[in-house]
Amino acid sequence: MKKYISLAAGLVLFAVSACNSSTPVADNATPSKAASPTATSSEKPTEKPKESATLSAKATEKATTNAEGWQDYKSAAGKFSVQLPSKPQEQSQDQTTDVGTIKLNMVIAEANDSGYFVGYADFPNKIANPADIQKGLADSVKGSVGNLKGEIKVEKESTLGDVPCRDFEAIGKVKTTDVSMKGRFCLADNRLYQVFALGAKDKLAATDVDRFITSFKLEK
């Protein structure tokens, strides 16, 4: 499953940068740029991102295992809770953009040759226009799926409480493997949340994916 974990950072980064429609699609590789939803098509050169990762639970984050092996995970820093099928890994990465340095945070869990990911990043500015929010979320979905050389099969607007979201299902490839991807991207004020599962088409369990996505909640 390491191939999906290594790809996750690229998908999360690309979803952040994809709100800029002029950003090129990467070939299954971590892109070198990220931009805010309000960025223009004029991009400045960026530095190589500095990455830090921790494989143990942080003091502000908790995970408890239930009888089925699923874990109730809560992030105080991320202000969310979710159920995960295994003990998660936590990673963070600073990305320099034309609007400043943005920290990308990821929680990653593996099960049945599939990966389950929650990523979030804060932008300097808030998008005020609801139409622009959905456009930005749609571009983020398109960017992530495009990075898999994939195709969006289902896509629709949704909400999480009063937070605007976009749900999607897609297919694509990781090297020679046909994969499925299903998730939900949400924008809460200036924070972009990315919740998605990725795995081989014949391995990704629909019931597990639905449990994972529907369990995602925003916390105060």
C-alpha atoms as a PDB file:
ATOM      1  CA  MET A   1       0.000   0.000   0.000  1.00  0.00           C
ATOM      2  CA  LYS A   2       3.026   2.286   0.116  1.00  0.00           C
ATOM      3  CA  LYS A   3       2.399   3.323  -3.483  1.00  0.00           C
ATOM      4  CA  TYR A   4      -0.929   4.862  -2.465  1.00  0.00           C
ATOM      5  CA  ILE A   5       0.524   6.565   0.601  1.00  0.00           C
ATOM      6  CA  SER A   6       3.288   8.167  -1.444  1.00  0.00           C
ATOM      7  CA  LEU A   7       0.687   9.288  -3.972  1.00  0.00           C
ATOM      8  CA  ALA A   8      -1.581  10.821  -1.326  1.00  0.00           C
ATOM      9  CA  ALA A   9       0.617  13.881  -0.829  1.00  0.00           C
ATOM     10  CA  GLY A  10       0.535  14.533  -4.543  1.00  0.00           C
ATOM     11  CA  LEU A  11      -3.248  14.297  -4.689  1.00  0.00           C
ATOM     12  CA  VAL A  12      -3.688  16.564  -1.677  1.00  0.00           C
ATOM     13  CA  LEU A  13      -1.221  19.102  -3.045  1.00  0.00           C
ATOM     14  CA  PHE A  14      -2.819  19.023  -6.448  1.00  0.00           C
ATOM     15  CA  ALA A  15      -6.304  19.518  -5.033  1.00  0.00           C
ATOM     16  CA  VAL A  16      -5.029  22.624  -3.263  1.00  0.00           C
ATOM     17  CA  SER A  17      -3.409  23.995  -6.408  1.00  0.00           C
ATOM     18  CA  ALA A  18      -6.128  22.896  -8.824  1.00  0.00           C
ATOM     19  CA  CYS A  19      -8.356  25.873  -8.083  1.00  0.00           C
ATOM     20  CA  ASN A  20      -6.064  27.628 -10.537  1.00  0.00           C
ATOM     21  CA  SER A  21      -7.264  26.182 -13.864  1.00  0.00           C
ATOM     22  CA  SER A  22      -3.975  26.979 -15.578  1.00  0.00           C
ATOM     23  CA  THR A  23      -2.035  24.562 -13.367  1.00  0.00           C
ATOM     24  CA  PRO A  24      -0.729  21.638 -15.464  1.00  0.00           C
ATOM     25  CA  VAL A  25      -1.668  18.045 -14.590  1.00  0.00           C
ATOM     26  CA  ALA A  26       1.201  16.071 -13.075  1.00  0.00           C
ATOM     27  CA  ASP A  27       2.000  12.530 -14.163  1.00  0.00           C
ATOM     28  CA  ASN A  28       1.391  10.549 -10.961  1.00  0.00           C
ATOM     29  CA  ALA A  29       3.937  12.714  -9.167  1.00  0.00           C
ATOM     30  CA  THR A  30       3.874  15.217  -6.332  1.00  0.00           C
ATOM     31  CA  PRO A  31       3.406  18.652  -7.913  1.00  0.00           C
ATOM     32  CA  SER A  32       5.875  21.377  -7.053  1.00  0.00           C
ATOM     33  CA  LYS A  33       3.321  24.151  -6.584  1.00  0.00           C
ATOM     34  CA  ALA A  34       0.210  24.925  -4.619  1.00  0.00           C
ATOM     35  CA  ALA A  35      -2.011  27.965  -4.839  1.00  0.00           C
ATOM     36  CA  SER A  36      -4.949  29.333  -2.876  1.00  0.00           C
ATOM     37  CA  PRO A  37      -8.504  29.280  -4.271  1.00  0.00           C
ATOM     38  CA  THR A  38      -8.145  33.014  -4.912  1.00  0.00           C
ATOM     39  CA  ALA A  39      -4.831  32.778  -6.768  1.00  0.00           C
ATOM     40  CA  THR A  40      -4.511  34.100 -10.297  1.00  0.00           C
ATOM     41  CA  SER A  41      -2.990  32.336 -13.281  1.00  0.00           C
ATOM     42  CA  SER A  42       0.288  34.159 -12.667  1.00  0.00           C
ATOM     43  CA  GLU A  43       2.440  31.883 -10.531  1.00  0.00           C
ATOM     44  CA  LYS A  44       5.770  32.585  -8.898  1.00  0.00           C
ATOM     45  CA  PRO A  45       8.590  30.064  -8.638  1.00  0.00           C
ATOM     46  CA  THR A  46       8.313  28.005  -5.491  1.00  0.00           C
ATOM     47  CA  GLU A  47      10.790  26.312  -3.262  1.00  0.00           C
ATOM     48  CA  LYS A  48      10.955  22.572  -2.739  1.00  0.00           C
ATOM     49  CA  PRO A  49       8.487  21.774   0.052  1.00  0.00           C
ATOM     50  CA  LYS A  50       9.855  20.945   3.454  1.00  0.00           C
ATOM     51  CA  GLU A  51       8.296  17.776   4.776  1.00  0.00           C
ATOM     52  CA  SER A  52       7.937  16.502   8.293  1.00  0.00           C
ATOM     53  CA  ALA A  53       6.159  13.321   9.246  1.00  0.00           C
ATOM     54  CA  THR A  54       5.279  11.602  12.493  1.00  0.00           C
ATOM     55  CA  LEU A  55       4.047   8.029  12.777  1.00  0.00           C
ATOM     56  CA  SER A  56       2.836   8.302  16.370  1.00  0.00           C
ATOM     57  CA  ALA A  57      -0.283  10.037  17.664  1.00  0.00           C
ATOM     58  CA  LYS A  58       0.187  13.708  18.552  1.00  0.00           C
ATOM     59  CA  ALA A  59      -0.784  15.022  21.962  1.00  0.00           C
ATOM     60  CA  THR A  60      -3.735  16.905  20.464  1.00  0.00           C
ATOM     61  CA  GLU A  61      -5.018  13.941  18.469  1.00  0.00           C
ATOM     62  CA  LYS A  62      -6.638  10.751  19.729  1.00  0.00           C
ATOM     63  CA  ALA A  63      -7.471   7.378  18.237  1.00  0.00           C
ATOM     64  CA  THR A  64      -9.393   4.630  19.998  1.00  0.00           C
ATOM     65  CA  THR A  65     -10.054   1.170  18.559  1.00  0.00           C
ATOM     66  CA  ASN A  66     -13.469  -0.479  18.653  1.00  0.00           C
ATOM     67  CA  ALA A  67     -14.337  -4.168  18.520  1.00  0.00           C
ATOM     68  CA  GLU A  68     -14.395  -4.248  14.716  1.00  0.00           C
ATOM     69  CA  GLY A  69     -10.867  -2.892  14.389  1.00  0.00           C
ATOM     70  CA  TRP A  70     -12.024   0.536  13.273  1.00  0.00           C
ATOM     71  CA  GLN A  71     -10.638   3.526  15.142  1.00  0.00           C
ATOM     72  CA  ASP A  72     -12.439   6.643  16.289  1.00  0.00           C
ATOM     73  CA  TYR A  73      -9.947   9.360  15.436  1.00  0.00           C
ATOM     74  CA  LYS A  74     -10.255  12.968  16.612  1.00  0.00           C
ATOM     75  CA  SER A  75      -7.958  15.863  15.726  1.00  0.00           C
ATOM     76  CA  ALA A  76      -8.075  18.939  17.944  1.00  0.00           C
ATOM     77  CA  ALA A  77      -5.765  20.832  15.582  1.00  0.00           C
ATOM     78  CA  GLY A  78      -7.734  19.796  12.498  1.00  0.00           C
ATOM     79  CA  LYS A  79     -11.105  20.269  14.209  1.00  0.00           C
ATOM     80  CA  PHE A  80     -12.535  17.041  12.836  1.00  0.00           C
ATOM     81  CA  SER A  81     -13.345  13.473  13.796  1.00  0.00           C
ATOM     82  CA  VAL A  82     -13.516  10.378  11.602  1.00  0.00           C
ATOM     83  CA  GLN A  83     -13.546   6.588  11.755  1.00  0.00           C
ATOM     84  CA  LEU A  84     -10.513   4.838  10.264  1.00  0.00           C
ATOM     85  CA  PRO A  85      -9.988   1.128   9.507  1.00  0.00           C
ATOM     86  CA  SER A  86      -6.510   0.995  11.085  1.00  0.00           C
ATOM     87  CA  LYS A  87      -3.990   2.977  13.121  1.00  0.00           C
ATOM     88  CA  PRO A  88      -3.331   6.191  11.178  1.00  0.00           C
ATOM     89  CA  GLN A  89      -0.103   7.837  10.150  1.00  0.00           C
ATOM     90  CA  GLU A  90       0.160  11.625  10.426  1.00  0.00           C
ATOM     91  CA  GLN A  91       2.116  13.806   8.038  1.00  0.00           C
ATOM     92  CA  SER A  92       2.530  17.534   7.480  1.00  0.00           C
ATOM     93  CA  GLN A  93       4.206  19.438   4.711  1.00  0.00           C
ATOM     94  CA  ASP A  94       4.926  23.150   4.245  1.00  0.00           C
ATOM     95  CA  GLN A  95       4.330  24.404   0.705  1.00  0.00           C
ATOM     96  CA  THR A  96       5.501  27.813  -0.510  1.00  0.00           C
ATOM     97  CA  THR A  97       2.970  29.582  -2.745  1.00  0.00           C
ATOM     98  CA  ASP A  98       2.474  33.022  -4.260  1.00  0.00           C
ATOM     99  CA  VAL A  99       0.310  33.951  -1.248  1.00  0.00           C
ATOM    100  CA  GLY A 100       2.699  32.619   1.395  1.00  0.00           C
ATOM    101  CA  THR A 101       3.528  29.281   2.988  1.00  0.00           C
ATOM    102  CA  ILE A 102       0.620  26.868   3.372  1.00  0.00           C
ATOM    103  CA  LYS A 103       0.848  23.853   5.666  1.00  0.00           C
ATOM    104  CA  LEU A 104      -0.726  20.675   4.331  1.00  0.00           C
ATOM    105  CA  ASN A 105      -1.735  18.166   6.999  1.00  0.00           C
ATOM    106  CA  MET A 106      -2.636  14.534   6.297  1.00  0.00           C
ATOM    107  CA  VAL A 107      -3.956  11.554   8.230  1.00  0.00           C
ATOM    108  CA  ILE A 108      -3.502   8.249   6.401  1.00  0.00           C
ATOM    109  CA  ALA A 109      -4.782   4.761   7.212  1.00  0.00           C
ATOM    110  CA  GLU A 110      -4.539   1.481   5.283  1.00  0.00           C
ATOM    111  CA  ALA A 111      -6.809  -1.555   5.062  1.00  0.00           C
ATOM    112  CA  ASN A 112      -7.390  -4.321   2.502  1.00  0.00           C
ATOM    113  CA  ASP A 113      -4.858  -2.923   0.046  1.00  0.00           C
ATOM    114  CA  SER A 114      -6.598   0.469   0.088  1.00  0.00           C
ATOM    115  CA  GLY A 115      -5.775   3.875   1.537  1.00  0.00           C
ATOM    116  CA  TYR A 116      -8.016   6.237   3.496  1.00  0.00           C
ATOM    117  CA  PHE A 117      -6.964   9.877   3.635  1.00  0.00           C
ATOM    118  CA  VAL A 118      -7.984  13.091   5.384  1.00  0.00           C
ATOM    119  CA  GLY A 119      -6.075  16.214   4.399  1.00  0.00           C
ATOM    120  CA  TYR A 120      -6.579  19.849   5.329  1.00  0.00           C
ATOM    121  CA  ALA A 121      -4.915  23.171   4.578  1.00  0.00           C
ATOM    122  CA  ASP A 122      -5.634  26.767   5.575  1.00  0.00           C
ATOM    123  CA  PHE A 123      -5.623  29.580   3.012  1.00  0.00           C
ATOM    124  CA  PRO A 124      -4.829  33.219   3.908  1.00  0.00           C
ATOM    125  CA  ASN A 125      -8.142  34.470   2.525  1.00  0.00           C
ATOM    126  CA  LYS A 126     -11.751  33.350   2.744  1.00  0.00           C
ATOM    127  CA  ILE A 127     -13.878  32.886  -0.382  1.00  0.00           C
ATOM    128  CA  ALA A 128     -17.048  34.933   0.121  1.00  0.00           C
ATOM    129  CA  ASN A 129     -19.043  34.059  -3.015  1.00  0.00           C
ATOM    130  CA  PRO A 130     -20.854  30.678  -2.710  1.00  0.00           C
ATOM    131  CA  ALA A 131     -20.602  30.139  -6.472  1.00  0.00           C
ATOM    132  CA  ASP A 132     -16.838  30.601  -6.289  1.00  0.00           C
ATOM    133  CA  ILE A 133     -16.652  28.083  -3.450  1.00  0.00           C
ATOM    134  CA  GLN A 134     -18.323  25.343  -5.491  1.00  0.00           C
ATOM    135  CA  LYS A 135     -16.186  26.201  -8.496  1.00  0.00           C
ATOM    136  CA  GLY A 136     -13.071  25.930  -6.343  1.00  0.00           C
ATOM    137  CA  LEU A 137     -14.203  22.576  -4.922  1.00  0.00           C
ATOM    138  CA  ALA A 138     -15.039  21.303  -8.411  1.00  0.00           C
ATOM    139  CA  ASP A 139     -11.593  22.344  -9.653  1.00  0.00           C
ATOM    140  CA  SER A 140     -10.013  20.610  -6.656  1.00  0.00           C
ATOM    141  CA  VAL A 141     -11.814  17.363  -7.455  1.00  0.00           C
ATOM    142  CA  LYS A 142     -10.908  17.660 -11.126  1.00  0.00           C
ATOM    143  CA  GLY A 143      -7.263  18.321 -10.240  1.00  0.00           C
ATOM    144  CA  SER A 144      -6.928  15.320  -7.951  1.00  0.00           C
ATOM    145  CA  VAL A 145      -8.615  12.944 -10.385  1.00  0.00           C
ATOM    146  CA  GLY A 146      -6.625  14.374 -13.262  1.00  0.00           C
ATOM    147  CA  ASN A 147      -3.431  13.610 -11.391  1.00  0.00           C
ATOM    148  CA  LEU A 148      -4.462   9.949 -11.606  1.00  0.00           C
ATOM    149  CA  LYS A 149      -5.150  10.327 -15.328  1.00  0.00           C
ATOM    150  CA  GLY A 150      -8.636   9.489 -14.179  1.00  0.00           C
ATOM    151  CA  GLU A 151     -12.269  10.119 -15.003  1.00  0.00           C
ATOM    152  CA  ILE A 152     -14.957  11.483 -12.703  1.00  0.00           C
ATOM    153  CA  LYS A 153     -17.951   9.127 -12.774  1.00  0.00           C
ATOM    154  CA  VAL A 154     -20.212  10.820 -10.202  1.00  0.00           C
ATOM    155  CA  GLU A 155     -20.034  14.363  -8.841  1.00  0.00           C
ATOM    156  CA  LYS A 156     -22.514  16.492  -6.875  1.00  0.00           C
ATOM    157  CA  GLU A 157     -22.776  19.403  -4.483  1.00  0.00           C
ATOM    158  CA  SER A 158     -23.385  18.552  -0.840  1.00  0.00           C
ATOM    159  CA  THR A 159     -23.106  20.062   2.617  1.00  0.00           C
ATOM    160  CA  LEU A 160     -21.753  19.057   5.993  1.00  0.00           C
ATOM    161  CA  GLY A 161     -23.989  20.997   8.321  1.00  0.00           C
ATOM    162  CA  ASP A 162     -23.766  24.458   6.778  1.00  0.00           C
ATOM    163  CA  VAL A 163     -20.334  23.823   5.227  1.00  0.00           C
ATOM    164  CA  PRO A 164     -20.324  23.524   1.410  1.00  0.00           C
ATOM    165  CA  CYS A 165     -18.874  20.260   0.072  1.00  0.00           C
ATOM    166  CA  ARG A 166     -18.546  18.302  -3.141  1.00  0.00           C
ATOM    167  CA  ASP A 167     -18.909  14.514  -3.311  1.00  0.00           C
ATOM    168  CA  PHE A 168     -17.395  12.463  -6.107  1.00  0.00           C
ATOM    169  CA  GLU A 169     -16.514   9.022  -7.411  1.00  0.00           C
ATOM    170  CA  ALA A 170     -13.774   8.448  -9.984  1.00  0.00           C
ATOM    171  CA  ILE A 171     -11.590   5.860 -11.650  1.00  0.00           C
ATOM    172  CA  GLY A 172      -7.958   6.123 -12.702  1.00  0.00           C
ATOM    173  CA  LYS A 173      -4.587   4.431 -12.704  1.00  0.00           C
ATOM    174  CA  VAL A 174      -1.603   4.154 -10.371  1.00  0.00           C
ATOM    175  CA  LYS A 175       1.150   2.874 -12.628  1.00  0.00           C
ATOM    176  CA  THR A 176      -0.485  -0.201 -14.187  1.00  0.00           C
ATOM    177  CA  THR A 177      -3.189  -0.688 -11.557  1.00  0.00           C
ATOM    178  CA  ASP A 178      -6.789   0.344 -12.209  1.00  0.00           C
ATOM    179  CA  VAL A 179      -7.967   2.224  -9.128  1.00  0.00           C
ATOM    180  CA  SER A 180     -11.169   3.676  -7.712  1.00  0.00           C
ATOM    181  CA  MET A 181     -11.350   6.911  -5.758  1.00  0.00           C
ATOM    182  CA  LYS A 182     -14.293   8.188  -3.744  1.00  0.00           C
ATOM    183  CA  GLY A 183     -14.438  11.183  -1.477  1.00  0.00           C
ATOM    184  CA  ARG A 184     -15.736  14.501  -0.256  1.00  0.00           C
ATOM    185  CA  PHE A 185     -14.014  17.893  -0.410  1.00  0.00           C
ATOM    186  CA  CYS A 186     -15.311  20.669   1.875  1.00  0.00           C
ATOM    187  CA  LEU A 187     -14.404  24.317   2.440  1.00  0.00           C
ATOM    188  CA  ALA A 188     -15.029  25.589   5.972  1.00  0.00           C
ATOM    189  CA  ASP A 189     -14.223  29.304   6.047  1.00  0.00           C
ATOM    190  CA  ASN A 190     -10.666  29.315   4.677  1.00  0.00           C
ATOM    191  CA  ARG A 191      -9.865  25.645   5.397  1.00  0.00           C
ATOM    192  CA  LEU A 192     -10.020  23.043   2.640  1.00  0.00           C
ATOM    193  CA  TYR A 193     -10.760  19.501   3.844  1.00  0.00           C
ATOM    194  CA  GLN A 194     -10.129  16.524   1.577  1.00  0.00           C
ATOM    195  CA  VAL A 195     -11.603  13.167   2.595  1.00  0.00           C
ATOM    196  CA  PHE A 196     -11.094  10.318   0.148  1.00  0.00           C
ATOM    197  CA  ALA A 197     -10.388   6.609  -0.218  1.00  0.00           C
ATOM    198  CA  LEU A 198      -8.206   5.155  -2.942  1.00  0.00           C
ATOM    199  CA  GLY A 199      -7.508   1.557  -3.895  1.00  0.00           C
ATOM    200  CA  ALA A 200      -7.486  -1.092  -6.588  1.00  0.00           C
ATOM    201  CA  LYS A 201     -10.947  -1.368  -8.171  1.00  0.00           C
ATOM    202  CA  ASP A 202     -11.353  -4.970  -7.049  1.00  0.00           C
ATOM    203  CA  LYS A 203     -10.091  -4.289  -3.506  1.00  0.00           C
ATOM    204  CA  LEU A 204     -11.788  -1.073  -2.412  1.00  0.00           C
ATOM    205  CA  ALA A 205     -14.769  -2.093  -0.258  1.00  0.00           C
ATOM    206  CA  ALA A 206     -17.805   0.151  -0.835  1.00  0.00           C
ATOM    207  CA  THR A 207     -19.195  -0.395   2.671  1.00  0.00           C
ATOM    208  CA  ASP A 208     -15.883   0.564   4.281  1.00  0.00           C
ATOM    209  CA  VAL A 209     -15.517   3.650   2.102  1.00  0.00           C
ATOM    210  CA  ASP A 210     -19.043   4.827   2.875  1.00  0.00           C
ATOM    211  CA  ARG A 211     -18.481   4.262   6.588  1.00  0.00           C
ATOM    212  CA  PHE A 212     -15.284   6.295   6.429  1.00  0.00           C
ATOM    213  CA  ILE A 213     -16.742   9.236   4.485  1.00  0.00           C
ATOM    214  CA  THR A 214     -20.040   9.486   6.370  1.00  0.00           C
ATOM    215  CA  SER A 215     -18.211   9.324   9.720  1.00  0.00           C
ATOM    216  CA  PHE A 216     -16.253  12.492   8.925  1.00  0.00           C
ATOM    217  CA  LYS A 217     -17.516  15.336  11.140  1.00  0.00           C
ATOM    218  CA  LEU A 218     -16.300  18.850  11.804  1.00  0.00           C
ATOM    219  CA  GLU A 219     -15.686  19.747  15.439  1.00  0.00           C
ATOM    220  CA  LYS A 220     -15.731  23.095  17.209  1.00  0.00           C
END
